[in-house]
Amino acid sequence: MKHLAALLLIATASLSLHASEKDGQAVAAKYNCMGCHSVEQRIVGPAFRDVAIRYRDQNRDEVEKDLMHKVKTGTGGNWGSMIKMPAQQIKDNDLRIIIRWVLSQK
């Protein structure tokens, strides 16, 4: 019985994470992230797939924290001579969903 409860807990957590990552594109669109970024191609800012590739071998919790800080305070120079991204006003929960979705791109 304990094993079944553990499996259900893992499955529920997995579905929650998958739903958050799946909803990331909608949340990104809500905050107009897609005006400067796309999944596959560089626009004004880097492609989300390129962001995922850059950070894929790093500690996910630390990357998430770092990217949240960069989005909230603005950043520039990390991707060459692109225009600096201004500070964004995005709720923490929504930003976490966006970042998890971005990092899930392959």
PDB file of N, CA and C in Angstrom:
ATOM      1  N   MET A   1       0.824  -1.193   0.000  1.00  0.00           N
ATOM      2  CA  MET A   1       0.000   0.000   0.000  1.00  0.00           C
ATOM      3  C   MET A   1       0.867   1.256   0.000  1.00  0.00           C
ATOM      4  N   LYS A   2       1.981   1.229   0.755  1.00  0.00           N
ATOM      5  CA  LYS A   2       2.875   2.385   0.783  1.00  0.00           C
ATOM      6  C   LYS A   2       3.460   2.655  -0.598  1.00  0.00           C
ATOM      7  N   HIS A   3       3.750   1.579  -1.322  1.00  0.00           N
ATOM      8  CA  HIS A   3       4.330   1.732  -2.659  1.00  0.00           C
ATOM      9  C   HIS A   3       3.339   2.392  -3.611  1.00  0.00           C
ATOM     10  N   LEU A   4       2.077   2.025  -3.497  1.00  0.00           N
ATOM     11  CA  LEU A   4       1.047   2.608  -4.346  1.00  0.00           C
ATOM     12  C   LEU A   4       0.900   4.097  -4.054  1.00  0.00           C
ATOM     13  N   ALA A   5       0.902   4.456  -2.780  1.00  0.00           N
ATOM     14  CA  ALA A   5       0.802   5.862  -2.399  1.00  0.00           C
ATOM     15  C   ALA A   5       1.998   6.652  -2.921  1.00  0.00           C
ATOM     16  N   ALA A   6       3.176   6.076  -2.844  1.00  0.00           N
ATOM     17  CA  ALA A   6       4.378   6.742  -3.339  1.00  0.00           C
ATOM     18  C   ALA A   6       4.309   6.920  -4.855  1.00  0.00           C
ATOM     19  N   LEU A   7       3.851   5.884  -5.555  1.00  0.00           N
ATOM     20  CA  LEU A   7       3.713   5.981  -7.009  1.00  0.00           C
ATOM     21  C   LEU A   7       2.701   7.050  -7.409  1.00  0.00           C
ATOM     22  N   LEU A   8       1.593   7.116  -6.683  1.00  0.00           N
ATOM     23  CA  LEU A   8       0.585   8.146  -6.968  1.00  0.00           C
ATOM     24  C   LEU A   8       1.134   9.542  -6.721  1.00  0.00           C
ATOM     25  N   LEU A   9       1.906   9.703  -5.671  1.00  0.00           N
ATOM     26  CA  LEU A   9       2.515  10.997  -5.371  1.00  0.00           C
ATOM     27  C   LEU A   9       3.485  11.405  -6.470  1.00  0.00           C
ATOM     28  N   ILE A  10       4.306  10.476  -6.918  1.00  0.00           N
ATOM     29  CA  ILE A  10       5.266  10.756  -7.995  1.00  0.00           C
ATOM     30  C   ILE A  10       4.520  11.095  -9.279  1.00  0.00           C
ATOM     31  N   ALA A  11       3.491  10.355  -9.595  1.00  0.00           N
ATOM     32  CA  ALA A  11       2.722  10.605 -10.819  1.00  0.00           C
ATOM     33  C   ALA A  11       2.054  11.978 -10.771  1.00  0.00           C
ATOM     34  N   THR A  12       1.500  12.332  -9.624  1.00  0.00           N
ATOM     35  CA  THR A  12       0.858  13.637  -9.475  1.00  0.00           C
ATOM     36  C   THR A  12       1.870  14.758  -9.628  1.00  0.00           C
ATOM     37  N   ALA A  13       3.018  14.623  -9.008  1.00  0.00           N
ATOM     38  CA  ALA A  13       4.068  15.643  -9.131  1.00  0.00           C
ATOM     39  C   ALA A  13       4.534  15.757 -10.571  1.00  0.00           C
ATOM     40  N   SER A  14       4.670  14.632 -11.238  1.00  0.00           N
ATOM     41  CA  SER A  14       5.090  14.632 -12.634  1.00  0.00           C
ATOM     42  C   SER A  14       4.070  15.322 -13.518  1.00  0.00           C
ATOM     43  N   LEU A  15       2.795  15.063 -13.295  1.00  0.00           N
ATOM     44  CA  LEU A  15       1.745  15.720 -14.076  1.00  0.00           C
ATOM     45  C   LEU A  15       1.715  17.209 -13.815  1.00  0.00           C
ATOM     46  N   SER A  16       1.915  17.628 -12.575  1.00  0.00           N
ATOM     47  CA  SER A  16       1.932  19.050 -12.246  1.00  0.00           C
ATOM     48  C   SER A  16       3.076  19.753 -12.953  1.00  0.00           C
ATOM     49  N   LEU A  17       4.262  19.155 -12.947  1.00  0.00           N
ATOM     50  CA  LEU A  17       5.401  19.754 -13.607  1.00  0.00           C
ATOM     51  C   LEU A  17       5.160  19.811 -15.105  1.00  0.00           C
ATOM     52  N   HIS A  18       4.620  18.720 -15.665  1.00  0.00           N
ATOM     53  CA  HIS A  18       4.350  18.690 -17.099  1.00  0.00           C
ATOM     54  C   HIS A  18       3.325  19.754 -17.468  1.00  0.00           C
ATOM     55  N   ALA A  19       2.279  19.918 -16.663  1.00  0.00           N
ATOM     56  CA  ALA A  19       1.263  20.927 -16.940  1.00  0.00           C
ATOM     57  C   ALA A  19       1.869  22.318 -16.878  1.00  0.00           C
ATOM     58  N   SER A  20       2.738  22.575 -15.895  1.00  0.00           N
ATOM     59  CA  SER A  20       3.383  23.878 -15.788  1.00  0.00           C
ATOM     60  C   SER A  20       4.242  24.156 -17.003  1.00  0.00           C
ATOM     61  N   GLU A  21       5.017  23.170 -17.428  1.00  0.00           N
ATOM     62  CA  GLU A  21       5.870  23.363 -18.590  1.00  0.00           C
ATOM     63  C   GLU A  21       5.021  23.545 -19.839  1.00  0.00           C
ATOM     64  N   LYS A  22       3.947  22.796 -19.959  1.00  0.00           N
ATOM     65  CA  LYS A  22       3.063  22.894 -21.112  1.00  0.00           C
ATOM     66  C   LYS A  22       2.405  24.278 -21.150  1.00  0.00           C
ATOM     67  N   ASP A  23       2.017  24.798 -20.007  1.00  0.00           N
ATOM     68  CA  ASP A  23       1.362  26.102 -19.937  1.00  0.00           C
ATOM     69  C   ASP A  23       2.347  27.246 -20.107  1.00  0.00           C
ATOM     70  N   GLY A  24       3.623  26.960 -20.080  1.00  0.00           N
ATOM     71  CA  GLY A  24       4.635  28.010 -20.160  1.00  0.00           C
ATOM     72  C   GLY A  24       4.520  28.877 -21.387  1.00  0.00           C
ATOM     73  N   GLN A  25       4.218  28.286 -22.526  1.00  0.00           N
ATOM     74  CA  GLN A  25       4.113  29.091 -23.742  1.00  0.00           C
ATOM     75  C   GLN A  25       2.945  30.069 -23.647  1.00  0.00           C
ATOM     76  N   ALA A  26       1.837  29.639 -23.094  1.00  0.00           N
ATOM     77  CA  ALA A  26       0.685  30.525 -22.932  1.00  0.00           C
ATOM     78  C   ALA A  26       1.005  31.661 -21.963  1.00  0.00           C
ATOM     79  N   VAL A  27       1.695  31.342 -20.890  1.00  0.00           N
ATOM     80  CA  VAL A  27       2.060  32.376 -19.911  1.00  0.00           C
ATOM     81  C   VAL A  27       3.082  33.330 -20.535  1.00  0.00           C
ATOM     82  N   ALA A  28       4.034  32.793 -21.302  1.00  0.00           N
ATOM     83  CA  ALA A  28       5.015  33.642 -21.995  1.00  0.00           C
ATOM     84  C   ALA A  28       4.314  34.584 -22.966  1.00  0.00           C
ATOM     85  N   ALA A  29       3.319  34.082 -23.664  1.00  0.00           N
ATOM     86  CA  ALA A  29       2.555  34.922 -24.593  1.00  0.00           C
ATOM     87  C   ALA A  29       1.787  36.005 -23.827  1.00  0.00           C
ATOM     88  N   LYS A  30       1.258  35.665 -22.683  1.00  0.00           N
ATOM     89  CA  LYS A  30       0.514  36.627 -21.851  1.00  0.00           C
ATOM     90  C   LYS A  30       1.383  37.839 -21.500  1.00  0.00           C
ATOM     91  N   TYR A  31       2.661  37.612 -21.255  1.00  0.00           N
ATOM     92  CA  TYR A  31       3.577  38.695 -20.886  1.00  0.00           C
ATOM     93  C   TYR A  31       4.371  39.222 -22.090  1.00  0.00           C
ATOM     94  N   ASN A  32       3.954  38.856 -23.293  1.00  0.00           N
ATOM     95  CA  ASN A  32       4.580  39.319 -24.538  1.00  0.00           C
ATOM     96  C   ASN A  32       6.037  38.894 -24.712  1.00  0.00           C
ATOM     97  N   CYS A  33       6.431  37.815 -24.061  1.00  0.00           N
ATOM     98  CA  CYS A  33       7.799  37.310 -24.226  1.00  0.00           C
ATOM     99  C   CYS A  33       8.051  36.923 -25.685  1.00  0.00           C
ATOM    100  N   MET A  34       6.989  36.461 -26.347  1.00  0.00           N
ATOM    101  CA  MET A  34       7.125  35.972 -27.708  1.00  0.00           C
ATOM    102  C   MET A  34       7.337  37.109 -28.711  1.00  0.00           C
ATOM    103  N   GLY A  35       7.235  38.341 -28.269  1.00  0.00           N
ATOM    104  CA  GLY A  35       7.537  39.467 -29.139  1.00  0.00           C
ATOM    105  C   GLY A  35       9.034  39.584 -29.416  1.00  0.00           C
ATOM    106  N   CYS A  36       9.852  39.113 -28.494  1.00  0.00           N
ATOM    107  CA  CYS A  36      11.319  39.205 -28.633  1.00  0.00           C
ATOM    108  C   CYS A  36      11.991  37.843 -28.710  1.00  0.00           C
ATOM    109  N   HIS A  37      11.288  36.792 -28.352  1.00  0.00           N
ATOM    110  CA  HIS A  37      11.844  35.438 -28.341  1.00  0.00           C
ATOM    111  C   HIS A  37      10.927  34.501 -29.119  1.00  0.00           C
ATOM    112  N   SER A  38      11.493  33.459 -29.672  1.00  0.00           N
ATOM    113  CA  SER A  38      10.703  32.357 -30.217  1.00  0.00           C
ATOM    114  C   SER A  38      11.322  31.073 -29.688  1.00  0.00           C
ATOM    115  N   VAL A  39      10.667  29.973 -29.926  1.00  0.00           N
ATOM    116  CA  VAL A  39      11.198  28.708 -29.446  1.00  0.00           C
ATOM    117  C   VAL A  39      12.457  28.325 -30.221  1.00  0.00           C
ATOM    118  N   GLU A  40      12.430  28.494 -31.534  1.00  0.00           N
ATOM    119  CA  GLU A  40      13.499  27.947 -32.356  1.00  0.00           C
ATOM    120  C   GLU A  40      14.446  28.958 -32.984  1.00  0.00           C
ATOM    121  N   GLN A  41      14.046  30.227 -33.095  1.00  0.00           N
ATOM    122  CA  GLN A  41      14.893  31.190 -33.795  1.00  0.00           C
ATOM    123  C   GLN A  41      15.133  32.439 -32.962  1.00  0.00           C
ATOM    124  N   ARG A  42      16.326  32.969 -33.090  1.00  0.00           N
ATOM    125  CA  ARG A  42      16.691  34.232 -32.459  1.00  0.00           C
ATOM    126  C   ARG A  42      15.872  35.350 -33.114  1.00  0.00           C
ATOM    127  N   ILE A  43      15.284  36.197 -32.283  1.00  0.00           N
ATOM    128  CA  ILE A  43      14.587  37.380 -32.792  1.00  0.00           C
ATOM    129  C   ILE A  43      15.368  38.563 -32.239  1.00  0.00           C
ATOM    130  N   VAL A  44      14.812  39.261 -31.274  1.00  0.00           N
ATOM    131  CA  VAL A  44      15.547  40.311 -30.578  1.00  0.00           C
ATOM    132  C   VAL A  44      16.401  39.672 -29.487  1.00  0.00           C
ATOM    133  N   GLY A  45      15.844  38.655 -28.862  1.00  0.00           N
ATOM    134  CA  GLY A  45      16.543  37.900 -27.835  1.00  0.00           C
ATOM    135  C   GLY A  45      16.793  36.479 -28.316  1.00  0.00           C
ATOM    136  N   PRO A  46      17.500  35.695 -27.530  1.00  0.00           N
ATOM    137  CA  PRO A  46      17.838  34.325 -27.950  1.00  0.00           C
ATOM    138  C   PRO A  46      16.606  33.435 -28.062  1.00  0.00           C
ATOM    139  N   ALA A  47      16.713  32.421 -28.898  1.00  0.00           N
ATOM    140  CA  ALA A  47      15.662  31.406 -28.985  1.00  0.00           C
ATOM    141  C   ALA A  47      15.606  30.653 -27.656  1.00  0.00           C
ATOM    142  N   PHE A  48      14.412  30.308 -27.232  1.00  0.00           N
ATOM    143  CA  PHE A  48      14.269  29.583 -25.976  1.00  0.00           C
ATOM    144  C   PHE A  48      15.002  28.246 -26.023  1.00  0.00           C
ATOM    145  N   ARG A  49      15.034  27.609 -27.178  1.00  0.00           N
ATOM    146  CA  ARG A  49      15.756  26.343 -27.303  1.00  0.00           C
ATOM    147  C   ARG A  49      17.249  26.562 -27.023  1.00  0.00           C
ATOM    148  N   ASP A  50      17.804  27.679 -27.493  1.00  0.00           N
ATOM    149  CA  ASP A  50      19.213  27.974 -27.235  1.00  0.00           C
ATOM    150  C   ASP A  50      19.469  28.208 -25.750  1.00  0.00           C
ATOM    151  N   VAL A  51      18.518  28.839 -25.073  1.00  0.00           N
ATOM    152  CA  VAL A  51      18.641  29.040 -23.625  1.00  0.00           C
ATOM    153  C   VAL A  51      18.666  27.684 -22.925  1.00  0.00           C
ATOM    154  N   ALA A  52      17.758  26.798 -23.318  1.00  0.00           N
ATOM    155  CA  ALA A  52      17.705  25.457 -22.712  1.00  0.00           C
ATOM    156  C   ALA A  52      19.010  24.700 -22.943  1.00  0.00           C
ATOM    157  N   ILE A  53      19.550  24.812 -24.147  1.00  0.00           N
ATOM    158  CA  ILE A  53      20.806  24.121 -24.459  1.00  0.00           C
ATOM    159  C   ILE A  53      21.948  24.680 -23.618  1.00  0.00           C
ATOM    160  N   ARG A  54      22.020  25.997 -23.489  1.00  0.00           N
ATOM    161  CA  ARG A  54      23.100  26.612 -22.721  1.00  0.00           C
ATOM    162  C   ARG A  54      23.106  26.136 -21.273  1.00  0.00           C
ATOM    163  N   TYR A  55      21.942  25.961 -20.685  1.00  0.00           N
ATOM    164  CA  TYR A  55      21.853  25.659 -19.257  1.00  0.00           C
ATOM    165  C   TYR A  55      21.564  24.192 -18.945  1.00  0.00           C
ATOM    166  N   ARG A  56      21.496  23.318 -19.951  1.00  0.00           N
ATOM    167  CA  ARG A  56      21.029  21.949 -19.718  1.00  0.00           C
ATOM    168  C   ARG A  56      21.897  21.131 -18.774  1.00  0.00           C
ATOM    169  N   ASP A  57      23.178  21.401 -18.686  1.00  0.00           N
ATOM    170  CA  ASP A  57      24.060  20.603 -17.828  1.00  0.00           C
ATOM    171  C   ASP A  57      24.312  21.237 -16.466  1.00  0.00           C
ATOM    172  N   GLN A  58      23.579  22.288 -16.163  1.00  0.00           N
ATOM    173  CA  GLN A  58      23.773  22.985 -14.895  1.00  0.00           C
ATOM    174  C   GLN A  58      22.652  22.626 -13.918  1.00  0.00           C
ATOM    175  N   ASN A  59      22.878  22.916 -12.654  1.00  0.00           N
ATOM    176  CA  ASN A  59      21.897  22.650 -11.607  1.00  0.00           C
ATOM    177  C   ASN A  59      20.621  23.426 -11.905  1.00  0.00           C
ATOM    178  N   ARG A  60      19.532  22.708 -12.085  1.00  0.00           N
ATOM    179  CA  ARG A  60      18.276  23.335 -12.514  1.00  0.00           C
ATOM    180  C   ARG A  60      17.764  24.372 -11.515  1.00  0.00           C
ATOM    181  N   ASP A  61      17.874  24.100 -10.229  1.00  0.00           N
ATOM    182  CA  ASP A  61      17.404  25.061  -9.218  1.00  0.00           C
ATOM    183  C   ASP A  61      18.201  26.357  -9.287  1.00  0.00           C
ATOM    184  N   GLU A  62      19.522  26.233  -9.451  1.00  0.00           N
ATOM    185  CA  GLU A  62      20.360  27.431  -9.547  1.00  0.00           C
ATOM    186  C   GLU A  62      20.105  28.200 -10.841  1.00  0.00           C
ATOM    187  N   VAL A  63      19.905  27.490 -11.925  1.00  0.00           N
ATOM    188  CA  VAL A  63      19.601  28.131 -13.206  1.00  0.00           C
ATOM    189  C   VAL A  63      18.278  28.873 -13.110  1.00  0.00           C
ATOM    190  N   GLU A  64      17.284  28.219 -12.515  1.00  0.00           N
ATOM    191  CA  GLU A  64      15.972  28.852 -12.368  1.00  0.00           C
ATOM    192  C   GLU A  64      16.093  30.148 -11.559  1.00  0.00           C
ATOM    193  N   LYS A  65      16.824  30.092 -10.468  1.00  0.00           N
ATOM    194  CA  LYS A  65      17.015  31.277  -9.625  1.00  0.00           C
ATOM    195  C   LYS A  65      17.744  32.379 -10.403  1.00  0.00           C
ATOM    196  N   ASP A  66      18.796  32.005 -11.129  1.00  0.00           N
ATOM    197  CA  ASP A  66      19.575  32.958 -11.911  1.00  0.00           C
ATOM    198  C   ASP A  66      18.724  33.606 -13.005  1.00  0.00           C
ATOM    199  N   LEU A  67      17.964  32.793 -13.729  1.00  0.00           N
ATOM    200  CA  LEU A  67      17.137  33.340 -14.807  1.00  0.00           C
ATOM    201  C   LEU A  67      16.008  34.208 -14.266  1.00  0.00           C
ATOM    202  N   MET A  68      15.457  33.854 -13.134  1.00  0.00           N
ATOM    203  CA  MET A  68      14.421  34.704 -12.528  1.00  0.00           C
ATOM    204  C   MET A  68      15.002  36.077 -12.204  1.00  0.00           C
ATOM    205  N   HIS A  69      16.205  36.088 -11.646  1.00  0.00           N
ATOM    206  CA  HIS A  69      16.858  37.357 -11.325  1.00  0.00           C
ATOM    207  C   HIS A  69      17.117  38.174 -12.598  1.00  0.00           C
ATOM    208  N   LYS A  70      17.623  37.521 -13.636  1.00  0.00           N
ATOM    209  CA  LYS A  70      17.926  38.220 -14.884  1.00  0.00           C
ATOM    210  C   LYS A  70      16.674  38.815 -15.523  1.00  0.00           C
ATOM    211  N   VAL A  71      15.582  38.064 -15.507  1.00  0.00           N
ATOM    212  CA  VAL A  71      14.349  38.565 -16.110  1.00  0.00           C
ATOM    213  C   VAL A  71      13.798  39.730 -15.297  1.00  0.00           C
ATOM    214  N   LYS A  72      13.841  39.618 -13.986  1.00  0.00           N
ATOM    215  CA  LYS A  72      13.277  40.674 -13.132  1.00  0.00           C
ATOM    216  C   LYS A  72      14.117  41.953 -13.119  1.00  0.00           C
ATOM    217  N   THR A  73      15.432  41.838 -13.292  1.00  0.00           N
ATOM    218  CA  THR A  73      16.295  43.023 -13.220  1.00  0.00           C
ATOM    219  C   THR A  73      16.771  43.499 -14.588  1.00  0.00           C
ATOM    220  N   GLY A  74      16.546  42.691 -15.609  1.00  0.00           N
ATOM    221  CA  GLY A  74      17.045  43.022 -16.944  1.00  0.00           C
ATOM    222  C   GLY A  74      18.456  42.499 -17.104  1.00  0.00           C
ATOM    223  N   THR A  75      18.860  42.307 -18.349  1.00  0.00           N
ATOM    224  CA  THR A  75      20.179  41.744 -18.592  1.00  0.00           C
ATOM    225  C   THR A  75      20.627  42.052 -20.010  1.00  0.00           C
ATOM    226  N   GLY A  76      21.907  41.999 -20.218  1.00  0.00           N
ATOM    227  CA  GLY A  76      22.454  42.208 -21.553  1.00  0.00           C
ATOM    228  C   GLY A  76      23.861  41.673 -21.634  1.00  0.00           C
ATOM    229  N   GLY A  77      24.308  41.395 -22.844  1.00  0.00           N
ATOM    230  CA  GLY A  77      25.669  40.947 -23.057  1.00  0.00           C
ATOM    231  C   GLY A  77      25.890  39.458 -22.911  1.00  0.00           C
ATOM    232  N   ASN A  78      24.870  38.727 -22.496  1.00  0.00           N
ATOM    233  CA  ASN A  78      25.019  37.281 -22.308  1.00  0.00           C
ATOM    234  C   ASN A  78      24.927  36.502 -23.619  1.00  0.00           C
ATOM    235  N   TRP A  79      24.386  37.138 -24.648  1.00  0.00           N
ATOM    236  CA  TRP A  79      24.156  36.474 -25.929  1.00  0.00           C
ATOM    237  C   TRP A  79      24.773  37.272 -27.073  1.00  0.00           C
ATOM    238  N   GLY A  80      25.862  37.911 -26.816  1.00  0.00           N
ATOM    239  CA  GLY A  80      26.514  38.692 -27.865  1.00  0.00           C
ATOM    240  C   GLY A  80      25.970  40.106 -27.919  1.00  0.00           C
ATOM    241  N   SER A  81      25.841  40.608 -29.118  1.00  0.00           N
ATOM    242  CA  SER A  81      25.474  42.022 -29.284  1.00  0.00           C
ATOM    243  C   SER A  81      23.973  42.237 -29.438  1.00  0.00           C
ATOM    244  N   MET A  82      23.190  41.498 -28.703  1.00  0.00           N
ATOM    245  CA  MET A  82      21.740  41.684 -28.738  1.00  0.00           C
ATOM    246  C   MET A  82      21.354  42.896 -27.901  1.00  0.00           C
ATOM    247  N   ILE A  83      20.173  43.404 -28.163  1.00  0.00           N
ATOM    248  CA  ILE A  83      19.623  44.503 -27.373  1.00  0.00           C
ATOM    249  C   ILE A  83      19.405  44.013 -25.950  1.00  0.00           C
ATOM    250  N   LYS A  84      19.710  44.870 -24.985  1.00  0.00           N
ATOM    251  CA  LYS A  84      19.523  44.509 -23.577  1.00  0.00           C
ATOM    252  C   LYS A  84      18.042  44.274 -23.287  1.00  0.00           C
ATOM    253  N   MET A  85      17.766  43.209 -22.547  1.00  0.00           N
ATOM    254  CA  MET A  85      16.392  42.950 -22.124  1.00  0.00           C
ATOM    255  C   MET A  85      16.096  43.806 -20.898  1.00  0.00           C
ATOM    256  N   PRO A  86      15.076  44.654 -20.981  1.00  0.00           N
ATOM    257  CA  PRO A  86      14.726  45.469 -19.810  1.00  0.00           C
ATOM    258  C   PRO A  86      14.116  44.605 -18.703  1.00  0.00           C
ATOM    259  N   ALA A  87      14.124  45.125 -17.498  1.00  0.00           N
ATOM    260  CA  ALA A  87      13.506  44.426 -16.365  1.00  0.00           C
ATOM    261  C   ALA A  87      12.039  44.159 -16.684  1.00  0.00           C
ATOM    262  N   GLN A  88      11.594  42.972 -16.328  1.00  0.00           N
ATOM    263  CA  GLN A  88      10.213  42.569 -16.600  1.00  0.00           C
ATOM    264  C   GLN A  88       9.420  42.479 -15.302  1.00  0.00           C
ATOM    265  N   GLN A  89       8.173  42.884 -15.363  1.00  0.00           N
ATOM    266  CA  GLN A  89       7.268  42.806 -14.221  1.00  0.00           C
ATOM    267  C   GLN A  89       6.376  41.574 -14.398  1.00  0.00           C
ATOM    268  N   ILE A  90       6.882  40.434 -13.946  1.00  0.00           N
ATOM    269  CA  ILE A  90       6.160  39.172 -14.074  1.00  0.00           C
ATOM    270  C   ILE A  90       6.046  38.554 -12.687  1.00  0.00           C
ATOM    271  N   LYS A  91       4.847  38.117 -12.346  1.00  0.00           N
ATOM    272  CA  LYS A  91       4.636  37.462 -11.056  1.00  0.00           C
ATOM    273  C   LYS A  91       5.561  36.263 -10.941  1.00  0.00           C
ATOM    274  N   ASP A  92       6.087  36.041  -9.733  1.00  0.00           N
ATOM    275  CA  ASP A  92       7.045  34.947  -9.512  1.00  0.00           C
ATOM    276  C   ASP A  92       6.518  33.597  -9.985  1.00  0.00           C
ATOM    277  N   ASN A  93       5.268  33.273  -9.654  1.00  0.00           N
ATOM    278  CA  ASN A  93       4.722  31.972 -10.055  1.00  0.00           C
ATOM    279  C   ASN A  93       4.659  31.849 -11.572  1.00  0.00           C
ATOM    280  N   ASP A  94       4.233  32.917 -12.236  1.00  0.00           N
ATOM    281  CA  ASP A  94       4.170  32.887 -13.698  1.00  0.00           C
ATOM    282  C   ASP A  94       5.572  32.799 -14.298  1.00  0.00           C
ATOM    283  N   LEU A  95       6.509  33.539 -13.740  1.00  0.00           N
ATOM    284  CA  LEU A  95       7.878  33.518 -14.253  1.00  0.00           C
ATOM    285  C   LEU A  95       8.494  32.134 -14.080  1.00  0.00           C
ATOM    286  N   ARG A  96       8.222  31.499 -12.971  1.00  0.00           N
ATOM    287  CA  ARG A  96       8.731  30.139 -12.737  1.00  0.00           C
ATOM    288  C   ARG A  96       8.168  29.180 -13.781  1.00  0.00           C
ATOM    289  N   ILE A  97       6.891  29.320 -14.123  1.00  0.00           N
ATOM    290  CA  ILE A  97       6.277  28.474 -15.154  1.00  0.00           C
ATOM    291  C   ILE A  97       6.954  28.708 -16.495  1.00  0.00           C
ATOM    292  N   ILE A  98       7.182  29.978 -16.838  1.00  0.00           N
ATOM    293  CA  ILE A  98       7.835  30.304 -18.108  1.00  0.00           C
ATOM    294  C   ILE A  98       9.237  29.706 -18.152  1.00  0.00           C
ATOM    295  N   ILE A  99      10.006  29.917 -17.106  1.00  0.00           N
ATOM    296  CA  ILE A  99      11.390  29.440 -17.091  1.00  0.00           C
ATOM    297  C   ILE A  99      11.448  27.920 -17.160  1.00  0.00           C
ATOM    298  N   ARG A 100      10.598  27.239 -16.448  1.00  0.00           N
ATOM    299  CA  ARG A 100      10.585  25.771 -16.509  1.00  0.00           C
ATOM    300  C   ARG A 100      10.228  25.302 -17.910  1.00  0.00           C
ATOM    301  N   TRP A 101       9.305  26.002 -18.560  1.00  0.00           N
ATOM    302  CA  TRP A 101       8.945  25.651 -19.930  1.00  0.00           C
ATOM    303  C   TRP A 101      10.136  25.906 -20.872  1.00  0.00           C
ATOM    304  N   VAL A 102      10.772  27.067 -20.718  1.00  0.00           N
ATOM    305  CA  VAL A 102      11.936  27.385 -21.559  1.00  0.00           C
ATOM    306  C   VAL A 102      13.012  26.310 -21.396  1.00  0.00           C
ATOM    307  N   LEU A 103      13.302  25.928 -20.177  1.00  0.00           N
ATOM    308  CA  LEU A 103      14.356  24.941 -19.926  1.00  0.00           C
ATOM    309  C   LEU A 103      13.973  23.546 -20.403  1.00  0.00           C
ATOM    310  N   SER A 104      12.693  23.313 -20.678  1.00  0.00           N
ATOM    311  CA  SER A 104      12.254  22.010 -21.171  1.00  0.00           C
ATOM    312  C   SER A 104      12.396  21.894 -22.694  1.00  0.00           C
ATOM    313  N   GLN A 105      12.721  22.973 -23.372  1.00  0.00           N
ATOM    314  CA  GLN A 105      12.852  22.941 -24.835  1.00  0.00           C
ATOM    315  C   GLN A 105      14.086  22.140 -25.227  1.00  0.00           C
ATOM    316  N   LYS A 106      13.972  21.370 -26.294  1.00  0.00           N
ATOM    317  CA  LYS A 106      15.090  20.528 -26.731  1.00  0.00           C
ATOM    318  C   LYS A 106      15.344  20.716 -28.204  1.00  0.00           C
TER     319      LYS A 106
END
